[in-house]
Amino acid sequence: LVRALALPDIETWENKYRDKKYVIRIDTPEFTCVCPKTALPDFAHIYIEYMPSGLCLELKSFKEYLLAYREIGIFHEHVINRILEDLVKSTKPRWMKVKGVFNTRGGITTEVEAEYKSK
């Protein structure tokens, strides 16, 4: 079900420095989704690091993509893995890491990190 969720497309733009190896870091402290068990809001800081190849992430479309999670009941682990899958599909990076630091709830803080490396 998680992989079948309909989410907005993530746009990209052409990397004119594809011959260079460099890292792009993006973070947003304003991510929200819904706990699938309690239906209460969950808040997180999302960190992304990637080494682009031919395409770079277009930030406005990425923000719209993230906003779509506000109404979705989803586990933290699934959020991070789904974001990574969608970003890799869009940008086709050399490597990418997505990390989510979810706000403390009931005395427990959750951090989830997933990584992709091209072959």
Protein backbone atom coordinates (compact mmCIF):
# COMPACT_ATOMS: atom_id res chain seq x y z
CA LEU A 1 0.00 0.00 0.00
CA VAL A 2 2.76 2.48 0.87
CA ARG A 3 4.44 2.05 -2.50
CA ALA A 4 1.09 2.54 -4.27
CA LEU A 5 0.30 5.92 -2.65
CA ALA A 6 -0.40 8.60 -5.25
CA LEU A 7 1.94 11.52 -4.54
CA PRO A 8 2.85 14.57 -6.64
CA ASP A 9 5.62 14.21 -9.20
CA ILE A 10 9.07 15.45 -8.26
CA GLU A 11 10.57 17.65 -10.96
CA THR A 12 14.26 17.93 -11.83
CA TRP A 13 16.57 20.14 -13.84
CA GLU A 14 19.65 19.30 -15.89
CA ASN A 15 22.98 19.22 -14.08
CA LYS A 16 25.50 21.12 -16.22
CA TYR A 17 28.36 19.83 -14.02
CA ARG A 18 27.72 16.10 -14.35
CA ASP A 19 31.46 15.56 -14.83
CA LYS A 20 32.07 16.83 -11.26
CA LYS A 21 31.47 14.90 -8.06
CA TYR A 22 29.82 17.20 -5.53
CA VAL A 23 27.27 16.85 -2.75
CA ILE A 24 23.96 18.67 -2.37
CA ARG A 25 22.42 18.91 1.10
CA ILE A 26 18.77 19.82 1.63
CA ASP A 27 16.84 19.87 4.86
CA THR A 28 13.42 20.86 6.03
CA PRO A 29 12.33 21.15 9.67
CA GLU A 30 8.63 21.38 8.76
CA PHE A 31 7.66 17.87 7.64
CA THR A 32 4.33 16.54 8.89
CA CYS A 33 2.39 13.32 8.43
CA VAL A 34 -0.21 11.43 10.46
CA CYS A 35 0.34 8.52 12.85
CA PRO A 36 -1.48 5.53 11.34
CA LYS A 37 -2.38 4.21 14.81
CA THR A 38 -3.60 7.35 16.60
CA ALA A 39 -4.38 9.70 13.68
CA LEU A 40 -2.39 12.39 15.53
CA PRO A 41 0.07 14.56 13.61
CA ASP A 42 3.74 13.58 13.50
CA PHE A 43 6.45 16.18 12.93
CA ALA A 44 9.97 15.65 11.63
CA HIS A 45 13.12 17.27 10.36
CA ILE A 46 14.06 15.66 7.03
CA TYR A 47 17.69 15.71 5.83
CA ILE A 48 18.74 14.80 2.29
CA GLU A 49 22.25 14.42 0.92
CA TYR A 50 23.00 13.34 -2.61
CA MET A 51 25.63 13.33 -5.30
CA PRO A 52 23.90 14.23 -8.56
CA SER A 53 24.58 12.68 -11.90
CA GLY A 54 22.58 14.13 -14.79
CA LEU A 55 19.65 15.63 -12.84
CA CYS A 56 19.15 17.81 -9.76
CA LEU A 57 16.13 18.09 -7.50
CA GLU A 58 13.77 21.02 -8.19
CA LEU A 59 12.88 22.37 -4.76
CA LYS A 60 9.40 23.84 -5.34
CA SER A 61 8.02 20.54 -6.61
CA PHE A 62 9.76 18.74 -3.75
CA LYS A 63 8.05 21.02 -1.24
CA GLU A 64 4.67 20.24 -2.84
CA TYR A 65 5.54 16.55 -2.70
CA LEU A 66 6.32 16.78 1.03
CA LEU A 67 3.11 18.72 1.74
CA ALA A 68 1.10 15.78 0.37
CA TYR A 69 2.14 13.71 3.40
CA ARG A 70 0.15 15.95 5.78
CA GLU A 71 -3.01 13.90 5.31
CA ILE A 72 -1.37 10.46 5.06
CA GLY A 73 -1.29 7.94 7.90
CA ILE A 74 2.18 6.40 7.56
CA PHE A 75 4.88 4.92 9.78
CA HIS A 76 8.16 6.85 10.12
CA GLU A 77 10.16 4.02 8.56
CA HIS A 78 7.89 3.99 5.53
CA VAL A 79 8.08 7.78 5.12
CA ILE A 80 11.85 7.80 4.78
CA ASN A 81 12.05 4.79 2.49
CA ARG A 82 9.28 6.15 0.24
CA ILE A 83 10.94 9.57 0.00
CA LEU A 84 14.25 7.90 -0.90
CA GLU A 85 12.61 5.71 -3.57
CA ASP A 86 10.80 8.65 -5.14
CA LEU A 87 13.88 10.91 -5.12
CA VAL A 88 16.09 8.21 -6.62
CA LYS A 89 13.50 7.53 -9.33
CA SER A 90 13.37 11.24 -10.21
CA THR A 91 17.00 12.31 -9.95
CA LYS A 92 18.95 9.08 -10.63
CA PRO A 93 21.83 10.17 -8.36
CA ARG A 94 25.24 8.60 -7.87
CA TRP A 95 24.25 8.17 -4.22
CA MET A 96 21.65 9.55 -1.86
CA LYS A 97 20.81 9.45 1.83
CA VAL A 98 17.51 10.49 3.43
CA LYS A 99 17.23 10.87 7.20
CA GLY A 100 14.20 11.74 9.29
CA VAL A 101 14.37 12.90 12.90
CA PHE A 102 10.83 12.65 14.22
CA ASN A 103 9.75 14.71 17.22
CA THR A 104 9.56 13.01 20.58
CA ARG A 105 6.24 11.38 21.35
CA GLY A 106 5.57 9.51 24.57
CA GLY A 107 9.21 9.95 25.58
CA ILE A 108 10.51 8.26 22.40
CA THR A 109 12.35 9.94 19.55
CA THR A 110 12.63 8.12 16.23
CA GLU A 111 15.44 8.60 13.69
CA VAL A 112 15.26 6.72 10.40
CA GLU A 113 17.98 6.78 7.73
CA ALA A 114 17.97 5.09 4.33
CA GLU A 115 20.65 5.17 1.64
CA TYR A 116 20.99 4.42 -2.07
CA LYS A 117 24.19 3.80 -4.07
CA SER A 118 24.16 3.43 -7.84
CA LYS A 119 25.93 0.43 -9.31
